[in-house]
C-alpha atoms as a PDB file:
ATOM      1  CA  MET A   1      -2.661  -9.520 -38.396  1.00  0.00           C
ATOM      2  CA  GLY A   2       0.558  -8.071 -39.647  1.00  0.00           C
ATOM      3  CA  THR A   3       0.783  -5.019 -41.834  1.00  0.00           C
ATOM      4  CA  GLY A   4       0.677  -7.263 -44.894  1.00  0.00           C
ATOM      5  CA  ARG A   5      -2.703  -8.651 -43.867  1.00  0.00           C
ATOM      6  CA  ARG A   6      -4.606  -5.385 -43.723  1.00  0.00           C
ATOM      7  CA  LEU A   7      -7.174  -5.455 -46.512  1.00  0.00           C
ATOM      8  CA  VAL A   8      -8.510  -1.944 -46.074  1.00  0.00           C
ATOM      9  CA  PRO A   9      -6.729   1.372 -45.556  1.00  0.00           C
ATOM     10  CA  MET A  10      -6.034   2.458 -41.987  1.00  0.00           C
ATOM     11  CA  ASN A  11      -8.481   5.371 -42.192  1.00  0.00           C
ATOM     12  CA  THR A  12     -11.236   2.960 -43.271  1.00  0.00           C
ATOM     13  CA  ILE A  13     -10.478   0.709 -40.292  1.00  0.00           C
ATOM     14  CA  HIS A  14     -10.735   3.747 -38.017  1.00  0.00           C
ATOM     15  CA  ASP A  15     -14.048   4.741 -39.651  1.00  0.00           C
ATOM     16  CA  GLU A  16     -15.439   1.225 -39.133  1.00  0.00           C
ATOM     17  CA  VAL A  17     -14.301   1.087 -35.497  1.00  0.00           C
ATOM     18  CA  GLU A  18     -15.839   4.499 -34.877  1.00  0.00           C
ATOM     19  CA  ALA A  19     -19.156   3.277 -36.338  1.00  0.00           C
ATOM     20  CA  LEU A  20     -19.054   0.140 -34.151  1.00  0.00           C
ATOM     21  CA  LEU A  21     -18.409   2.247 -31.067  1.00  0.00           C
ATOM     22  CA  ARG A  22     -21.190   4.666 -31.964  1.00  0.00           C
ATOM     23  CA  ARG A  23     -23.681   1.758 -32.073  1.00  0.00           C
ATOM     24  CA  THR A  24     -22.841   1.030 -28.442  1.00  0.00           C
ATOM     25  CA  ARG A  25     -22.906   4.751 -27.568  1.00  0.00           C
ATOM     26  CA  GLN A  26     -19.187   4.914 -26.986  1.00  0.00           C
ATOM     27  CA  ARG A  27     -16.727   7.507 -28.263  1.00  0.00           C
ATOM     28  CA  TYR A  28     -13.656   6.824 -30.365  1.00  0.00           C
ATOM     29  CA  THR A  29     -11.179   8.483 -28.037  1.00  0.00           C
ATOM     30  CA  ALA A  30      -7.540   9.190 -28.845  1.00  0.00           C
ATOM     31  CA  GLY A  31      -6.517   6.264 -26.610  1.00  0.00           C
ATOM     32  CA  ARG A  32      -8.789   3.831 -28.443  1.00  0.00           C
ATOM     33  CA  ARG A  33      -7.583   5.114 -31.816  1.00  0.00           C
ATOM     34  CA  GLU A  34      -3.954   4.625 -30.724  1.00  0.00           C
ATOM     35  CA  LEU A  35      -4.749   1.104 -29.522  1.00  0.00           C
ATOM     36  CA  VAL A  36      -6.400   0.137 -32.826  1.00  0.00           C
ATOM     37  CA  SER A  37      -3.417   1.551 -34.747  1.00  0.00           C
ATOM     38  CA  HIS A  38      -1.065  -0.646 -32.702  1.00  0.00           C
ATOM     39  CA  LEU A  39      -3.223  -3.758 -33.161  1.00  0.00           C
ATOM     40  CA  VAL A  40      -3.185  -3.271 -36.940  1.00  0.00           C
ATOM     41  CA  THR A  41       0.615  -3.462 -37.067  1.00  0.00           C
ATOM     42  CA  LEU A  42       1.023  -6.690 -35.074  1.00  0.00           C
ATOM     43  CA  ALA A  43       1.731 -10.133 -36.558  1.00  0.00           C
ATOM     44  CA  GLY A  44      -0.670 -11.838 -34.156  1.00  0.00           C
ATOM     45  CA  PRO A  45      -2.797 -11.332 -31.059  1.00  0.00           C
ATOM     46  CA  ALA A  46      -1.140  -9.140 -28.406  1.00  0.00           C
ATOM     47  CA  THR A  47      -1.071  -9.329 -24.625  1.00  0.00           C
ATOM     48  CA  LEU A  48      -1.426  -6.232 -22.479  1.00  0.00           C
ATOM     49  CA  GLY A  49       2.315  -6.504 -21.837  1.00  0.00           C
ATOM     50  CA  ASP A  50       3.027  -6.615 -25.586  1.00  0.00           C
ATOM     51  CA  LEU A  51       1.096  -3.383 -26.065  1.00  0.00           C
ATOM     52  CA  VAL A  52       2.829  -1.671 -23.148  1.00  0.00           C
ATOM     53  CA  ASP A  53       6.229  -2.823 -24.479  1.00  0.00           C
ATOM     54  CA  ARG A  54       5.400  -1.235 -27.847  1.00  0.00           C
ATOM     55  CA  GLY A  55       5.242   2.143 -26.125  1.00  0.00           C
ATOM     56  CA  ILE A  56       1.502   2.685 -26.157  1.00  0.00           C
ATOM     57  CA  GLY A  57       0.861   5.862 -24.160  1.00  0.00           C
ATOM     58  CA  GLN A  58      -1.705   4.491 -21.720  1.00  0.00           C
ATOM     59  CA  SER A  59      -1.629   3.006 -18.260  1.00  0.00           C
ATOM     60  CA  GLN A  60      -2.367  -0.718 -18.051  1.00  0.00           C
ATOM     61  CA  SER A  61      -5.739   0.001 -16.432  1.00  0.00           C
ATOM     62  CA  SER A  62      -6.738   2.428 -19.224  1.00  0.00           C
ATOM     63  CA  LEU A  63      -5.475   0.001 -21.819  1.00  0.00           C
ATOM     64  CA  TYR A  64      -7.532  -2.836 -20.347  1.00  0.00           C
ATOM     65  CA  ARG A  65     -10.661  -0.645 -20.146  1.00  0.00           C
ATOM     66  CA  ASN A  66     -10.205   0.424 -23.782  1.00  0.00           C
ATOM     67  CA  LEU A  67      -9.739  -3.200 -24.873  1.00  0.00           C
ATOM     68  CA  ALA A  68     -12.921  -4.156 -23.005  1.00  0.00           C
ATOM     69  CA  VAL A  69     -14.920  -1.392 -24.717  1.00  0.00           C
ATOM     70  CA  LEU A  70     -13.522  -2.313 -28.138  1.00  0.00           C
ATOM     71  CA  GLU A  71     -14.312  -5.971 -27.462  1.00  0.00           C
ATOM     72  CA  GLN A  72     -17.855  -5.129 -26.372  1.00  0.00           C
ATOM     73  CA  CYS A  73     -18.563  -3.187 -29.578  1.00  0.00           C
ATOM     74  CA  GLY A  74     -17.174  -5.974 -31.797  1.00  0.00           C
ATOM     75  CA  ALA A  75     -13.937  -4.342 -32.992  1.00  0.00           C
ATOM     76  CA  VAL A  76     -11.579  -6.508 -30.922  1.00  0.00           C
ATOM     77  CA  ARG A  77     -11.719 -10.152 -29.952  1.00  0.00           C
ATOM     78  CA  ARG A  78     -10.038 -11.957 -27.088  1.00  0.00           C
ATOM     79  CA  VAL A  79      -7.902 -14.972 -27.940  1.00  0.00           C
ATOM     80  CA  SER A  80      -6.920 -17.417 -25.208  1.00  0.00           C
ATOM     81  CA  SER A  81      -3.818 -19.558 -25.357  1.00  0.00           C
ATOM     82  CA  VAL A  82      -2.387 -22.570 -23.552  1.00  0.00           C
ATOM     83  CA  ASP A  83      -0.863 -20.233 -20.947  1.00  0.00           C
ATOM     84  CA  ASP A  84      -4.246 -18.703 -19.973  1.00  0.00           C
ATOM     85  CA  VAL A  85      -2.960 -15.223 -20.851  1.00  0.00           C
ATOM     86  CA  ASN A  86      -5.502 -13.176 -22.778  1.00  0.00           C
ATOM     87  CA  ARG A  87      -4.411 -11.797 -26.099  1.00  0.00           C
ATOM     88  CA  PHE A  88      -6.311  -9.346 -28.267  1.00  0.00           C
ATOM     89  CA  GLU A  89      -6.660  -8.740 -31.990  1.00  0.00           C
ATOM     90  CA  LEU A  90      -8.955  -6.867 -34.346  1.00  0.00           C
ATOM     91  CA  THR A  91     -11.978  -8.896 -35.400  1.00  0.00           C
ATOM     92  CA  GLU A  92     -12.185 -10.369 -38.882  1.00  0.00           C
ATOM     93  CA  THR A  93     -14.782  -7.776 -39.844  1.00  0.00           C
ATOM     94  CA  LEU A  94     -11.787  -5.393 -39.942  1.00  0.00           C
ATOM     95  CA  THR A  95      -9.089  -7.781 -41.176  1.00  0.00           C
ATOM     96  CA  GLU A  96      -8.452 -10.799 -43.353  1.00  0.00           C
ATOM     97  CA  HIS A  97      -9.786 -14.227 -42.353  1.00  0.00           C
ATOM     98  CA  HIS A  98      -6.919 -16.089 -40.699  1.00  0.00           C
ATOM     99  CA  HIS A  99      -6.026 -18.815 -38.224  1.00  0.00           C
ATOM    100  CA  HIS A 100      -3.472 -19.186 -35.451  1.00  0.00           C
ATOM    101  CA  LEU A 101      -0.230 -20.991 -34.693  1.00  0.00           C
ATOM    102  CA  VAL A 102      -0.076 -21.579 -30.920  1.00  0.00           C
ATOM    103  CA  CYS A 103       3.163 -22.396 -29.078  1.00  0.00           C
ATOM    104  CA  GLN A 104       2.503 -24.992 -26.389  1.00  0.00           C
ATOM    105  CA  GLN A 105       5.615 -23.910 -24.490  1.00  0.00           C
ATOM    106  CA  CYS A 106       5.305 -20.125 -24.115  1.00  0.00           C
ATOM    107  CA  GLY A 107       1.740 -19.475 -25.318  1.00  0.00           C
ATOM    108  CA  ARG A 108       2.787 -17.259 -28.214  1.00  0.00           C
ATOM    109  CA  ILE A 109       0.148 -16.946 -30.931  1.00  0.00           C
ATOM    110  CA  ASP A 110       0.948 -15.982 -34.519  1.00  0.00           C
ATOM    111  CA  ASP A 111      -1.475 -15.435 -37.366  1.00  0.00           C
ATOM    112  CA  VAL A 112      -1.375 -17.808 -40.304  1.00  0.00           C
ATOM    113  CA  THR A 113      -3.344 -17.761 -43.560  1.00  0.00           C
ATOM    114  CA  LEU A 114      -4.177 -21.153 -45.010  1.00  0.00           C
ATOM    115  CA  PRO A 115      -3.845 -21.802 -48.742  1.00  0.00           C
ATOM    116  CA  PRO A 116      -7.091 -21.097 -50.640  1.00  0.00           C
ATOM    117  CA  GLN A 117      -7.543 -24.805 -51.511  1.00  0.00           C
ATOM    118  CA  LEU A 118      -7.444 -25.775 -47.841  1.00  0.00           C
ATOM    119  CA  GLU A 119      -9.844 -22.968 -46.870  1.00  0.00           C
ATOM    120  CA  SER A 120     -12.215 -24.156 -49.572  1.00  0.00           C
ATOM    121  CA  SER A 121     -11.955 -27.759 -48.331  1.00  0.00           C
ATOM    122  CA  LEU A 122     -12.705 -26.654 -44.758  1.00  0.00           C
ATOM    123  CA  HIS A 123     -15.716 -24.714 -45.961  1.00  0.00           C
ATOM    124  CA  ARG A 124     -17.030 -27.703 -47.928  1.00  0.00           C
ATOM    125  CA  ALA A 125     -16.366 -30.059 -44.998  1.00  0.00           C
ATOM    126  CA  GLY A 126     -18.831 -28.030 -42.954  1.00  0.00           C
ATOM    127  CA  GLY A 127     -21.607 -29.487 -45.069  1.00  0.00           C
ATOM    128  CA  HIS A 128     -20.601 -33.029 -44.059  1.00  0.00           C
ATOM    129  CA  ILE A 129     -20.493 -32.472 -40.302  1.00  0.00           C
ATOM    130  CA  ASP A 130     -23.435 -33.077 -37.990  1.00  0.00           C
ATOM    131  CA  THR A 131     -23.830 -29.552 -36.610  1.00  0.00           C
ATOM    132  CA  LYS A 132     -26.652 -30.619 -34.266  1.00  0.00           C
ATOM    133  CA  GLY A 133     -28.935 -27.913 -35.633  1.00  0.00           C
ATOM    134  CA  PHE A 134     -26.398 -25.090 -35.461  1.00  0.00           C
ATOM    135  CA  SER A 135     -26.249 -22.683 -38.350  1.00  0.00           C
ATOM    136  CA  VAL A 136     -22.505 -22.539 -39.037  1.00  0.00           C
ATOM    137  CA  ASP A 137     -21.277 -19.088 -40.069  1.00  0.00           C
ATOM    138  CA  GLY A 138     -17.522 -19.634 -40.087  1.00  0.00           C
ATOM    139  CA  HIS A 139     -14.555 -21.491 -38.669  1.00  0.00           C
ATOM    140  CA  ARG A 140     -11.239 -21.017 -36.877  1.00  0.00           C
ATOM    141  CA  VAL A 141      -8.259 -23.334 -36.926  1.00  0.00           C
ATOM    142  CA  GLU A 142      -5.554 -23.352 -34.262  1.00  0.00           C
ATOM    143  CA  LEU A 143      -2.394 -25.296 -34.981  1.00  0.00           C
ATOM    144  CA  PHE A 144      -0.414 -26.236 -31.855  1.00  0.00           C
ATOM    145  CA  GLY A 145       3.328 -26.783 -31.731  1.00  0.00           C
ATOM    146  CA  THR A 146       6.550 -25.099 -30.659  1.00  0.00           C
ATOM    147  CA  CYS A 147       7.649 -21.632 -31.802  1.00  0.00           C
ATOM    148  CA  PRO A 148      11.198 -21.030 -33.063  1.00  0.00           C
ATOM    149  CA  GLU A 149      12.265 -19.372 -29.793  1.00  0.00           C
ATOM    150  CA  CYS A 150      11.183 -22.360 -27.698  1.00  0.00           C
ATOM    151  CA  ALA A 151      12.424 -25.046 -30.118  1.00  0.00           C
END
């Protein structure tokens, strides 16, 4: 989610993350707040290395622990790619609904928002699929290809 995708003000995102953490009896520490602030500014899911490269002031072990806590409370979700490297992003409860472009060469993942007509068609298509008794609450689309750097 890049800065253009944020639907709510940063302080509201922080308030919502704090509430999610409180439900799991966790504190919203300065390190977790810094991590969320970094995730808000990214154009797609980030690896641990991406976050370290951005100058986040935490050791990799602290960063990973904070990501795990934020994932457990529902503020962050883990996104896997073709390279089996975990990437992390804020959940859609805190951001805009979006999908991913996945590079099959390097594993890079970028966010992409589908046109409203296509989103509507996907939503309607759910009613025509045999869901085998599942109650479908949403969808995610991943488009695979080659990023500009690998092309």
